[in-house]
Protein backbone atom coordinates (compact mmCIF):
# COMPACT_ATOMS: atom_id res chain seq x y z
CA MET A 1 69.82 13.20 -31.00
CA TYR A 2 68.86 16.00 -28.68
CA LYS A 3 66.69 17.17 -31.48
CA LYS A 4 64.70 14.49 -32.06
CA LEU A 5 64.24 13.62 -28.48
CA ASN A 6 62.96 17.14 -27.81
CA ILE A 7 60.84 17.21 -30.24
CA LEU A 8 59.14 13.51 -28.85
CA MET A 9 59.12 15.60 -25.57
CA SER A 10 56.22 17.27 -23.80
CA LYS A 11 56.32 20.50 -21.85
CA ASN A 12 55.95 18.32 -18.45
CA ASP A 13 58.21 16.02 -19.65
CA LYS A 14 61.41 18.42 -19.76
CA MET A 15 60.08 20.03 -16.45
CA PHE A 16 60.40 16.84 -14.78
CA LEU A 17 63.72 16.36 -16.73
CA LEU A 18 64.97 19.11 -14.88
CA TYR A 19 63.75 18.22 -11.77
CA LEU A 20 65.40 14.59 -12.35
CA LEU A 21 68.63 16.58 -13.67
CA PHE A 22 68.55 18.90 -10.29
CA PHE A 23 68.04 15.81 -7.86
CA SER A 24 70.82 13.36 -9.77
CA ILE A 25 73.22 16.49 -9.20
CA PHE A 26 72.03 15.80 -5.33
CA ILE A 27 72.64 11.95 -5.89
CA ALA A 28 75.99 13.16 -6.77
CA ALA A 29 76.64 14.58 -4.14
CA ILE A 30 75.96 12.13 -1.66
CA GLU A 31 77.68 9.48 -3.60
CA THR A 32 81.06 11.30 -3.03
CA ILE A 33 80.11 12.55 0.47
CA GLY A 34 79.77 8.54 0.93
CA VAL A 35 83.33 8.25 -0.53
CA ALA A 36 84.92 11.40 1.31
CA ILE A 37 83.67 10.46 4.37
CA ILE A 38 85.61 7.27 4.79
CA MET A 39 89.28 8.46 4.89
CA PRO A 40 88.49 10.94 7.63
CA PHE A 41 86.28 7.77 9.98
CA ILE A 42 89.58 5.60 9.28
CA SER A 43 91.68 7.90 10.07
CA VAL A 44 90.11 8.93 13.37
CA ALA A 45 89.28 5.01 14.09
CA SER A 46 92.66 4.16 13.65
CA ASP A 47 94.56 7.18 15.79
CA PHE A 48 92.29 8.69 18.85
CA ASN A 49 94.81 11.65 18.92
CA ILE A 50 93.25 13.15 15.91
CA ILE A 51 90.76 14.01 17.37
CA GLU A 52 92.40 16.28 19.65
CA THR A 53 94.56 17.84 17.38
CA ASN A 54 92.30 18.38 14.45
CA LYS A 55 89.54 21.94 15.57
CA TYR A 56 86.60 20.47 13.51
CA TYR A 57 86.66 16.81 15.46
CA LYS A 58 87.37 18.91 18.88
CA GLN A 59 84.02 21.44 18.49
CA ILE A 60 82.19 18.33 17.50
CA TYR A 61 83.27 16.04 20.60
CA ASP A 62 83.16 19.19 22.69
CA PHE A 63 79.44 20.09 21.52
CA PHE A 64 77.99 16.46 22.20
CA ASN A 65 79.81 16.44 25.50
CA PHE A 66 81.85 12.91 24.58
CA THR A 67 83.34 11.53 28.07
CA SER A 68 85.71 9.28 26.06
CA ASN A 69 87.47 9.26 22.28
CA VAL A 70 86.07 5.82 21.98
CA ASP A 71 82.02 7.20 22.54
CA PHE A 72 83.25 9.72 20.07
CA VAL A 73 83.81 7.15 17.36
CA ILE A 74 81.54 5.06 17.95
CA PHE A 75 79.02 7.82 17.27
CA PHE A 76 80.90 8.67 14.26
CA GLY A 77 80.69 5.18 12.69
CA MET A 78 76.97 5.09 13.85
CA SER A 79 76.50 8.04 12.11
CA LEU A 80 78.18 7.08 8.94
CA ILE A 81 75.83 3.86 8.85
CA PHE A 82 72.62 5.96 9.18
CA PHE A 83 74.27 8.21 6.28
CA TYR A 84 74.45 5.11 4.29
CA ILE A 85 70.95 3.99 4.80
CA MET A 86 69.83 7.05 3.94
CA ARG A 87 71.93 7.54 0.95
CA SER A 88 70.68 3.76 -0.05
CA ILE A 89 66.47 6.14 0.31
CA PHE A 90 68.05 8.71 -1.71
CA ASN A 91 69.27 6.76 -4.16
CA LEU A 92 66.19 4.77 -4.39
CA SER A 93 63.47 7.23 -4.70
CA TYR A 94 65.65 8.65 -7.78
CA PHE A 95 66.03 5.40 -9.46
CA TYR A 96 61.80 4.81 -8.99
CA MET A 97 61.03 8.68 -10.66
CA LEU A 98 63.65 7.67 -13.74
CA SER A 99 62.01 4.25 -14.24
CA LYS A 100 58.31 6.21 -13.66
CA PHE A 101 59.49 9.03 -16.30
CA SER A 102 61.24 6.58 -18.77
CA LYS A 103 58.83 3.68 -18.61
CA GLY A 104 55.66 5.91 -18.54
CA ARG A 105 57.37 7.34 -21.74
CA THR A 106 56.52 3.58 -23.55
CA HIS A 107 52.62 4.05 -22.78
CA LEU A 108 52.37 7.88 -24.28
CA LEU A 109 55.07 7.31 -27.39
CA SER A 110 52.70 3.46 -28.15
CA TYR A 111 49.47 5.94 -27.77
CA LYS A 112 50.58 8.82 -29.79
CA LEU A 113 51.95 6.46 -32.93
CA PHE A 114 48.67 4.63 -32.64
CA GLU A 115 46.89 7.64 -32.54
CA ASN A 116 48.98 9.01 -35.41
CA TYR A 117 48.68 5.87 -37.60
CA LEU A 118 44.96 6.13 -37.26
CA GLY A 119 45.54 9.61 -38.43
CA PHE A 120 47.03 8.59 -41.53
CA SER A 121 45.55 8.67 -44.62
CA TYR A 122 43.97 5.61 -46.76
CA ARG A 123 47.08 6.31 -49.37
CA GLU A 124 49.64 6.76 -47.08
CA PHE A 125 48.16 3.42 -44.85
CA ILE A 126 48.70 1.57 -47.38
CA LYS A 127 52.15 1.77 -48.47
CA ARG A 128 52.87 0.72 -45.43
CA ASN A 129 53.38 -2.79 -43.72
CA SER A 130 50.72 -3.66 -41.11
CA SER A 131 53.60 -5.56 -38.88
CA GLU A 132 55.84 -2.40 -39.40
CA LEU A 133 53.28 -0.26 -37.77
CA ALA A 134 53.19 -3.44 -34.86
CA LYS A 135 56.29 -3.54 -34.04
CA THR A 136 56.99 0.00 -33.98
CA ILE A 137 54.45 0.24 -31.72
CA ILE A 138 55.12 -2.63 -29.42
CA ASN A 139 59.31 -3.11 -29.35
CA GLU A 140 60.69 0.13 -31.20
CA THR A 141 59.16 2.72 -28.28
CA GLN A 142 60.48 -0.21 -25.39
CA TYR A 143 63.75 0.05 -27.18
CA LEU A 144 63.72 3.92 -27.29
CA THR A 145 62.26 3.92 -23.93
CA ILE A 146 66.12 1.78 -22.83
CA MET A 147 67.67 4.81 -24.84
CA ILE A 148 66.37 7.49 -22.74
CA SER A 149 66.66 5.72 -19.74
CA ALA A 150 70.62 5.38 -20.50
CA VAL A 151 70.64 9.54 -21.22
CA LEU A 152 69.12 10.30 -17.85
CA LEU A 153 71.71 7.54 -16.22
CA MET A 154 74.66 8.91 -18.29
CA LEU A 155 73.34 12.53 -16.66
CA SER A 156 73.58 10.99 -13.57
CA GLU A 157 76.53 9.68 -13.47
CA VAL A 158 78.25 12.47 -14.93
CA PHE A 159 78.15 14.46 -11.29
CA VAL A 160 79.08 11.92 -9.34
CA LEU A 161 82.28 11.50 -11.91
CA ILE A 162 82.98 14.79 -11.55
CA PHE A 163 82.22 15.22 -7.95
CA ILE A 164 84.64 12.51 -7.01
CA TYR A 165 87.52 13.52 -9.58
CA ILE A 166 87.58 16.97 -7.37
CA ILE A 167 87.83 15.06 -4.45
CA MET A 168 90.75 12.86 -5.62
CA LEU A 169 92.30 15.87 -7.55
CA TYR A 170 92.50 17.72 -3.68
CA VAL A 171 93.54 14.62 -2.20
CA SER A 172 96.75 14.27 -4.72
CA LEU A 173 96.91 16.12 -8.08
CA LYS A 174 99.68 14.25 -10.02
CA ILE A 175 97.85 10.54 -9.13
CA THR A 176 94.54 11.35 -9.92
CA LEU A 177 96.06 12.79 -13.36
CA VAL A 178 97.46 9.99 -14.48
CA MET A 179 94.47 7.53 -13.78
CA THR A 180 92.45 10.10 -15.54
CA LEU A 181 94.53 9.76 -18.67
CA ILE A 182 94.94 6.18 -18.49
CA LEU A 183 90.57 5.75 -18.16
CA LEU A 184 90.21 8.04 -20.95
CA VAL A 185 92.66 6.34 -23.45
CA ASN A 186 91.14 3.10 -22.75
CA ALA A 187 87.32 4.52 -22.49
CA LEU A 188 88.13 6.15 -25.95
CA PHE A 189 89.83 2.10 -27.05
CA LEU A 190 86.13 1.07 -26.11
CA VAL A 191 84.18 3.46 -28.03
CA LYS A 192 86.12 3.54 -31.42
CA THR A 193 85.54 -0.47 -30.91
CA ILE A 194 82.94 -2.04 -29.05
CA SER A 195 80.54 0.78 -29.56
CA LYS A 196 80.93 0.77 -33.00
CA LYS A 197 80.25 -2.98 -33.25
CA ILE A 198 77.00 -2.87 -31.04
CA LYS A 199 75.80 0.42 -33.58
CA THR A 200 76.08 -1.89 -35.84
CA GLN A 201 74.15 -4.95 -34.34
CA GLY A 202 71.54 -2.53 -33.42
CA LYS A 203 70.89 -1.82 -36.97
CA LEU A 204 70.73 -5.48 -38.07
CA ARG A 205 68.53 -5.74 -35.21
CA GLU A 206 65.66 -3.86 -36.63
CA GLU A 207 65.78 -4.81 -39.88
CA PHE A 208 65.36 -8.66 -38.09
CA GLN A 209 62.51 -7.88 -36.26
CA LYS A 210 60.99 -6.29 -38.93
CA LYS A 211 61.31 -9.33 -41.03
CA PHE A 212 60.58 -11.73 -38.24
CA TYR A 213 56.81 -9.85 -37.81
CA GLU A 214 56.24 -9.89 -41.11
CA VAL A 215 56.50 -13.87 -41.27
CA ILE A 216 54.62 -14.15 -38.70
CA ASN A 217 51.75 -12.22 -40.17
CA SER A 218 52.11 -13.26 -43.34
CA THR A 219 51.96 -16.80 -42.32
CA PHE A 220 49.01 -16.53 -40.03
CA GLY A 221 46.95 -14.27 -42.65
CA ASN A 222 47.38 -17.21 -44.91
CA PHE A 223 47.24 -20.17 -43.10
CA LYS A 224 44.78 -22.27 -44.58
CA MET A 225 46.75 -21.83 -48.35
CA ILE A 226 49.72 -22.62 -46.25
CA LYS A 227 48.24 -25.80 -45.52
CA LEU A 228 46.94 -26.63 -48.73
CA GLN A 229 50.40 -25.82 -49.85
CA SER A 230 52.08 -28.16 -47.69
CA ASN A 231 55.38 -25.53 -47.87
CA ASP A 232 55.90 -25.32 -44.32
CA LYS A 233 59.63 -25.97 -44.91
CA ILE A 234 59.85 -22.47 -46.86
CA ILE A 235 58.23 -20.59 -44.39
CA ILE A 236 59.99 -22.38 -41.16
CA ASP A 237 62.98 -21.66 -42.96
CA LYS A 238 62.59 -17.63 -43.47
CA PHE A 239 61.25 -17.50 -40.02
CA SER A 240 64.78 -18.98 -38.86
CA LYS A 241 66.52 -16.93 -40.27
CA ALA A 242 64.85 -13.94 -39.20
CA SER A 243 64.30 -15.31 -35.63
CA TYR A 244 68.45 -16.43 -35.44
CA GLY A 245 69.64 -13.25 -37.26
CA PHE A 246 67.57 -11.17 -34.44
CA ALA A 247 68.49 -13.65 -31.84
CA LYS A 248 72.56 -13.67 -33.09
CA SER A 249 72.26 -9.88 -32.60
CA ASN A 250 70.79 -9.36 -29.31
CA ILE A 251 73.82 -12.10 -28.32
CA ILE A 252 76.51 -10.44 -30.13
CA SER A 253 75.53 -6.96 -28.40
CA GLU A 254 74.74 -8.19 -24.84
CA THR A 255 78.07 -9.77 -24.81
CA LEU A 256 80.25 -6.89 -26.08
CA SER A 257 78.04 -4.82 -23.06
CA HIS A 258 79.64 -6.64 -20.64
CA PHE A 259 83.29 -6.16 -22.42
CA PRO A 260 83.66 -2.57 -20.93
CA ARG A 261 82.82 -3.72 -17.43
CA LEU A 262 85.27 -6.55 -17.57
CA PHE A 263 88.10 -4.46 -19.17
CA LEU A 264 87.54 -1.36 -16.92
CA GLU A 265 87.38 -3.79 -13.51
CA THR A 266 90.72 -4.70 -14.51
CA ILE A 267 92.11 -1.78 -15.15
CA GLY A 268 90.85 -0.46 -11.68
CA PHE A 269 92.75 -2.98 -9.89
CA GLY A 270 96.10 -2.12 -11.88
CA LEU A 271 95.87 1.25 -10.70
CA VAL A 272 94.90 0.40 -7.06
CA ALA A 273 98.13 -2.44 -7.20
CA SER A 274 100.06 0.29 -9.21
CA ILE A 275 99.19 2.87 -6.42
CA VAL A 276 100.21 0.97 -3.36
CA ILE A 277 103.70 0.22 -5.82
CA TYR A 278 103.57 3.91 -5.94
CA PHE A 279 103.42 4.87 -2.37
CA ILE A 280 105.83 1.74 -1.38
CA TYR A 281 108.38 3.26 -4.05
CA LYS A 282 108.19 6.49 -3.06
CA ASN A 283 108.75 6.02 1.09
CA GLN A 284 110.70 2.68 0.37
CA THR A 285 108.78 1.42 3.75
CA ASP A 286 105.07 0.17 4.23
CA ILE A 287 102.08 2.23 3.51
CA SER A 288 100.56 2.09 6.82
CA ASP A 289 101.15 6.24 7.10
CA THR A 290 98.88 6.80 3.82
CA MET A 291 96.55 4.39 4.52
CA GLY A 292 94.08 7.27 4.57
CA ILE A 293 94.99 8.91 0.99
CA LEU A 294 95.03 4.75 0.13
CA SER A 295 91.32 4.17 1.44
CA MET A 296 89.93 7.21 -0.60
CA PHE A 297 91.63 5.97 -3.65
CA ILE A 298 90.45 2.44 -3.48
CA LEU A 299 86.65 3.62 -2.67
CA GLY A 300 87.20 6.40 -5.29
CA LEU A 301 88.14 3.70 -7.82
CA TYR A 302 85.54 1.73 -6.75
CA ARG A 303 82.54 4.45 -7.10
CA LEU A 304 84.55 6.04 -9.76
CA MET A 305 84.98 2.37 -12.04
CA PRO A 306 81.10 1.62 -12.05
CA SER A 307 80.28 5.61 -13.20
CA VAL A 308 82.48 4.67 -15.69
CA ASN A 309 81.19 1.14 -16.88
CA ARG A 310 77.30 2.26 -16.78
CA LEU A 311 78.42 5.83 -18.74
CA LEU A 312 79.65 3.27 -21.47
CA THR A 313 76.95 1.20 -21.11
CA GLY A 314 74.68 4.01 -21.67
CA TYR A 315 76.30 5.23 -24.81
CA ASN A 316 76.08 1.56 -26.04
CA GLN A 317 72.41 0.92 -25.42
CA ILE A 318 72.31 4.77 -26.97
CA GLN A 319 73.89 3.37 -30.15
CA TYR A 320 72.23 -0.11 -30.52
CA TYR A 321 68.50 1.47 -30.06
CA TYR A 322 69.60 4.91 -32.08
CA LYS A 323 66.98 3.39 -34.73
CA SER A 324 64.24 3.26 -32.88
CA LEU A 325 64.48 7.23 -32.15
CA ASP A 326 64.56 7.31 -36.02
CA ILE A 327 61.96 5.59 -36.47
CA ILE A 328 59.93 7.13 -34.11
CA HIS A 329 60.91 10.83 -35.02
CA HIS A 330 60.02 9.60 -38.77
CA ASP A 331 56.54 8.09 -38.09
CA LEU A 332 55.17 10.76 -35.69
CA SER A 333 57.03 13.42 -37.54
CA TYR A 334 53.99 12.91 -40.18
CA ASP A 335 50.98 15.21 -40.22
CA GLY A 336 48.02 13.25 -40.25
CA GLU A 337 44.55 14.62 -42.35
CA GLY A 338 43.42 17.00 -40.05
CA LEU A 339 39.59 16.60 -40.78
CA GLY A 340 37.88 19.21 -39.48
CA ASP A 341 33.78 18.19 -37.85
CA GLU A 342 31.91 20.35 -40.31
CA ASN A 343 28.87 18.65 -41.75
CA ILE A 344 27.29 18.14 -44.92
CA GLU A 345 24.46 17.31 -46.30
CA PHE A 346 23.29 15.06 -48.84
CA SER A 347 19.62 15.52 -50.00
CA LYS A 348 20.18 15.74 -54.29
CA LYS A 349 23.60 14.40 -55.66
CA ILE A 350 26.95 13.75 -55.71
CA THR A 351 29.24 15.19 -59.15
CA LEU A 352 32.57 15.05 -60.08
CA LYS A 353 33.82 17.44 -62.17
CA ASN A 354 36.80 17.24 -64.11
CA LEU A 355 38.57 14.80 -62.12
CA SER A 356 41.70 13.15 -61.89
CA PHE A 357 43.88 10.89 -59.86
CA GLU A 358 47.81 9.73 -60.24
CA TYR A 359 49.30 7.20 -58.02
CA VAL A 360 52.39 8.34 -59.19
CA GLU A 361 53.17 10.90 -61.34
CA ASN A 362 52.70 11.13 -64.87
CA LYS A 363 50.78 8.02 -64.72
CA LYS A 364 47.06 8.80 -65.03
CA VAL A 365 44.34 6.48 -63.62
CA LEU A 366 41.57 8.69 -64.06
CA GLY A 367 41.66 11.48 -66.47
CA GLY A 368 38.97 14.25 -66.83
CA ILE A 369 36.08 12.32 -65.30
CA GLU A 370 32.38 13.84 -65.18
CA LEU A 371 29.49 11.87 -63.30
CA ASP A 372 26.48 12.87 -61.18
CA ILE A 373 25.10 10.49 -58.67
CA LEU A 374 21.52 11.10 -57.80
CA LYS A 375 20.06 10.58 -54.33
CA GLY A 376 18.69 6.99 -54.50
CA ASP A 377 20.40 5.95 -57.52
CA LYS A 378 21.73 2.43 -57.76
CA ILE A 379 25.29 2.69 -59.80
CA ALA A 380 27.51 0.03 -61.10
CA PHE A 381 31.29 0.13 -62.09
CA ILE A 382 32.53 -2.14 -63.88
CA GLY A 383 35.84 -3.18 -66.08
CA PRO A 384 38.52 -5.47 -65.82
CA SER A 385 41.11 -5.28 -62.90
CA GLY A 386 43.25 -2.51 -62.63
CA SER A 387 41.06 -0.19 -65.05
CA GLY A 388 40.30 1.90 -61.76
CA LYS A 389 36.99 0.88 -60.93
CA SER A 390 37.74 0.81 -56.81
CA THR A 391 39.71 4.04 -57.15
CA ILE A 392 36.94 6.29 -58.56
CA VAL A 393 35.01 4.90 -55.60
CA ASP A 394 37.63 5.11 -53.12
CA ILE A 395 37.71 8.71 -54.07
CA ILE A 396 34.12 9.08 -53.78
CA MET A 397 33.97 8.17 -50.48
CA GLY A 398 36.74 10.39 -49.10
CA LEU A 399 39.89 8.06 -49.02
CA TYR A 400 41.87 9.42 -51.56
CA LYS A 401 42.12 12.95 -52.69
CA PRO A 402 41.98 14.03 -56.56
CA THR A 403 45.28 14.45 -58.35
CA SER A 404 42.74 17.73 -60.04
CA GLY A 405 39.35 18.23 -60.16
CA THR A 406 36.48 18.47 -57.08
CA ILE A 407 33.85 16.47 -56.11
CA HIS A 408 30.41 18.23 -55.23
CA VAL A 409 27.77 17.16 -52.68
CA ASP A 410 24.58 19.23 -52.77
CA ASP A 411 26.96 22.08 -54.90
CA ARG A 412 29.20 21.69 -51.53
CA ILE A 413 32.93 20.82 -52.37
CA LEU A 414 33.96 17.93 -50.64
CA LYS A 415 37.06 19.38 -48.46
CA GLU A 416 39.15 17.88 -45.23
CA SER A 417 36.75 20.27 -42.94
CA ASN A 418 33.60 18.34 -43.82
CA ILE A 419 34.73 14.64 -44.86
CA LYS A 420 34.59 13.11 -41.52
CA SER A 421 30.81 13.98 -41.64
CA TRP A 422 30.64 12.70 -45.21
CA ARG A 423 32.28 9.41 -44.63
CA LYS A 424 30.15 8.88 -41.61
CA LYS A 425 27.20 8.08 -44.21
CA ILE A 426 28.96 5.81 -46.24
CA GLY A 427 28.49 2.10 -45.26
CA TYR A 428 31.08 0.26 -46.71
CA ILE A 429 31.00 -4.28 -47.59
CA PRO A 430 34.00 -5.21 -48.97
CA GLN A 431 35.67 -8.30 -50.50
CA GLN A 432 37.42 -9.20 -48.02
CA VAL A 433 35.41 -8.89 -44.70
CA TYR A 434 37.54 -9.23 -41.41
CA LEU A 435 36.19 -10.34 -38.52
CA PHE A 436 38.14 -10.15 -35.31
CA ASP A 437 38.33 -12.66 -32.83
CA GLY A 438 35.11 -11.42 -31.11
CA THR A 439 31.79 -11.67 -30.89
CA VAL A 440 29.04 -10.98 -34.17
CA ALA A 441 27.93 -8.10 -32.03
CA GLN A 442 31.12 -6.62 -31.24
CA ASN A 443 32.03 -7.30 -34.63
CA VAL A 444 29.01 -5.50 -36.18
CA SER A 445 29.34 -2.28 -33.58
CA PHE A 446 33.12 -2.47 -34.77
CA GLY A 447 34.31 1.27 -33.75
CA LEU A 448 30.88 2.47 -33.48
CA GLU A 449 28.94 2.70 -29.66
CA TYR A 450 27.40 -0.74 -28.52
CA ASP A 451 23.73 -0.91 -28.98
CA GLU A 452 22.15 -4.07 -28.84
CA LEU A 453 18.63 -3.43 -30.60
CA THR A 454 20.24 -2.19 -32.88
CA ILE A 455 22.86 -4.79 -33.13
CA LYS A 456 19.70 -7.20 -33.44
CA LYS A 457 18.00 -4.82 -36.16
CA VAL A 458 20.48 -4.86 -38.72
CA LEU A 459 21.24 -8.82 -38.38
CA LYS A 460 17.39 -9.47 -38.80
CA LYS A 461 17.51 -7.08 -42.37
CA ALA A 462 20.82 -9.02 -43.28
CA LYS A 463 18.95 -12.25 -42.96
CA ILE A 464 21.48 -14.26 -40.23
CA LEU A 465 20.04 -13.62 -37.21
CA ASP A 466 16.98 -15.96 -36.65
CA PHE A 467 20.37 -18.52 -38.04
CA LEU A 468 22.40 -17.19 -35.02
CA GLU A 469 19.36 -17.23 -32.38
CA THR A 470 18.40 -20.23 -33.75
CA ASP A 471 21.57 -22.33 -33.98
CA GLN A 472 24.38 -20.60 -32.34
CA ASP A 473 24.42 -18.33 -29.28
CA GLY A 474 22.47 -15.11 -30.49
CA ILE A 475 24.39 -11.80 -31.27
CA ASN A 476 27.18 -13.26 -28.99
CA THR A 477 28.12 -16.00 -31.19
CA PHE A 478 31.61 -16.26 -31.23
CA VAL A 479 33.22 -15.42 -34.74
CA GLY A 480 36.70 -16.69 -34.26
CA GLU A 481 39.79 -15.11 -35.93
CA GLY A 482 38.78 -13.81 -39.28
CA GLY A 483 35.48 -15.30 -38.75
CA VAL A 484 36.46 -18.54 -38.90
CA LYS A 485 33.50 -20.42 -37.68
CA LEU A 486 31.13 -18.48 -39.92
CA SER A 487 30.57 -19.53 -43.70
CA GLY A 488 31.40 -16.81 -46.27
CA GLY A 489 27.51 -16.33 -46.89
CA GLN A 490 27.12 -15.61 -42.99
CA LYS A 491 30.54 -13.34 -43.32
CA GLN A 492 29.22 -11.48 -45.80
CA ARG A 493 25.32 -11.06 -44.28
CA VAL A 494 27.79 -9.75 -40.56
CA ALA A 495 29.42 -7.59 -43.02
CA ILE A 496 26.35 -6.11 -44.69
CA ALA A 497 25.00 -5.97 -40.60
CA ARG A 498 28.49 -3.76 -39.96
CA ALA A 499 27.34 -1.50 -43.13
CA LEU A 500 24.27 -0.83 -41.88
CA TYR A 501 24.84 -0.44 -38.66
CA GLY A 502 25.39 3.60 -38.48
CA ASN A 503 22.31 3.68 -40.88
CA PRO A 504 24.25 5.11 -43.64
CA GLU A 505 23.12 7.41 -46.89
CA ILE A 506 25.11 5.31 -48.88
CA LEU A 507 25.91 1.68 -49.50
CA VAL A 508 28.91 0.99 -51.46
CA LEU A 509 29.92 -2.79 -52.57
CA ASP A 510 33.18 -3.62 -53.35
CA GLU A 511 32.99 -7.03 -55.02
CA ALA A 512 31.60 -7.97 -52.32
CA THR A 513 29.41 -11.26 -53.72
CA SER A 514 32.96 -12.35 -56.02
CA ALA A 515 34.39 -14.94 -53.64
CA LEU A 516 30.60 -16.83 -53.18
CA ASP A 517 29.00 -19.36 -55.07
CA GLU A 518 26.24 -17.98 -58.03
CA LYS A 519 23.48 -19.23 -55.55
CA ILE A 520 24.22 -17.49 -52.35
CA GLU A 521 25.05 -14.08 -54.80
CA LYS A 522 22.00 -14.03 -55.86
CA GLU A 523 20.10 -13.95 -52.60
CA ILE A 524 22.90 -11.59 -50.75
CA MET A 525 22.13 -9.41 -54.05
CA LYS A 526 18.22 -8.96 -53.61
CA GLU A 527 18.70 -8.40 -50.11
CA ILE A 528 20.87 -5.77 -50.45
CA TYR A 529 18.35 -3.90 -52.93
CA GLU A 530 15.89 -4.38 -50.67
CA ILE A 531 18.03 -2.64 -47.78
CA SER A 532 18.89 -0.25 -49.59
CA ILE A 533 15.53 0.78 -51.58
CA ASP A 534 15.85 3.85 -49.76
CA LYS A 535 19.70 4.33 -50.01
CA THR A 536 22.14 5.50 -52.87
CA LEU A 537 24.03 2.40 -53.84
CA LEU A 538 26.98 2.09 -55.42
CA ILE A 539 28.34 -1.88 -56.55
CA ILE A 540 32.05 -2.55 -58.00
CA ALA A 541 31.89 -6.21 -59.66
CA HIS A 542 32.57 -8.48 -62.20
CA ARG A 543 29.49 -10.51 -62.44
CA LEU A 544 26.45 -8.63 -64.76
CA SER A 545 24.23 -10.79 -62.26
CA THR A 546 24.53 -8.65 -59.48
CA ILE A 547 23.97 -5.30 -61.29
CA LYS A 548 20.65 -5.96 -63.48
CA ASN A 549 19.18 -4.09 -60.73
CA CYS A 550 20.66 -0.73 -61.36
CA ASN A 551 20.06 1.75 -62.62
CA LYS A 552 23.12 3.44 -64.13
CA VAL A 553 26.35 0.86 -65.02
CA TYR A 554 29.68 2.83 -66.00
CA LYS A 555 32.17 0.86 -68.03
CA ILE A 556 35.93 2.24 -67.03
CA GLU A 557 37.93 2.52 -70.27
CA ASN A 558 41.62 4.25 -71.10
CA ASN A 559 40.99 6.14 -67.87
CA SER A 560 37.40 7.14 -68.65
CA LEU A 561 34.01 6.83 -67.86
CA VAL A 562 31.77 5.28 -70.45
CA LEU A 563 27.55 4.95 -69.46
CA VAL A 564 27.12 1.31 -70.70
CA VAL A 565 23.37 1.59 -69.12
CA LYS A 566 21.11 3.67 -68.31
């Protein structure tokens, strides 16, 4: 656990932790004084003669020139009240800094995870479930924060325990050792039984919460299909199992988390009663003579028991949320693409040399591909589903690394140092258009700097601006989640405008019109050919009608390219 937390924390984090550690020692000392100071106060208040017989009390009495023992005891009591006020302020300050550190990690960890996920290669990203990534950013970071808080609180409580034990050992070695043995045995019992069950529930919590997110995402992402299939009952049952499982693990964990406190309180009260019985048995009289010592042990236990309880609670929280540390450590350990900012120019051609690709080792999707794409070419890739059409285009776009072979752009090899520059030259129009719940303008400029004139220009090229300005709210028209307020053709036109917004040199259509009817498809393809007259166009298609204006058509057969039209 220490190694993983050490990796996740920055140098500043560790320095702040060190500061908190020293502050916790100071707080522990304050807490110890708060317990120890009660015994002399009760002794003095019970017997004023102690002021005269105790040299320290006498020195204080003379220094402040008290005129009566009553004034001395009142001053002692007022000082005690002031001390406890300051004790509360110090404790509050400590808990504020503790909270500031632990809760601040939620933001930093969420930021690092989001940044790391954006740094995933496309191939790595598609292996992951987006709902799982969202869960990690939203929930697991908060759970890890709780775990870090538990570790810090445990550290502070350890010092409180040490200091109070030292005082109690000084007062009575025998009673303290017996009490320690009893507490240790009971604490060990709680760790071996309750903590194990809480750890098991922590694993179940993560599994059920992952299913919980998956059901929600898949349901809202396929809402229309679910309504048509009228299979609400099946979906609701899945949600219920995930939700109830998640709730049940929390119920069990929360219930068990109260057990140590109640158990230790029982032990604590039993110990107090046992100490009283011990003194009565030993002295064969009442306990008036041992009230000071007894008060010390009662107050010691009063402060000690919450510390022991917090230690066990912190330990149980670490067990319950440990899976969060594993998940976040694993995801932050992933090395991103590490792309450079080296520029690359495209003025002549793209060349694929002896290119091969495998998703699974020794199972080729593409093999020995040789291809030249001249600037301004209009090239189509056709073939049955699963033949590798999208794969070869994804490789050209720099989303996948070839297993072997190279891609050359004007005789320069495409590599991590220049691939970012290369991707910026590409406008991509997918089959499944994703529009988020915002305006048309926000969807067009998505991920790039907002420029109203450019937005209107590309919408006009995509032949949707007139419709928006005549029948809707112009570029400020809200599209709804997933573009639900627009028709299929309109969504595709917004997608074309988005692809054109960055002024790309290459346009890629990944079966972009396959979901449209033939008439709309012809209109859009005509517009795309007009728009791309000065651009290189790569089309993945099933329908031959969409590629009739291409100057080259390649068919993928047996993992290889076959030129169909030249």
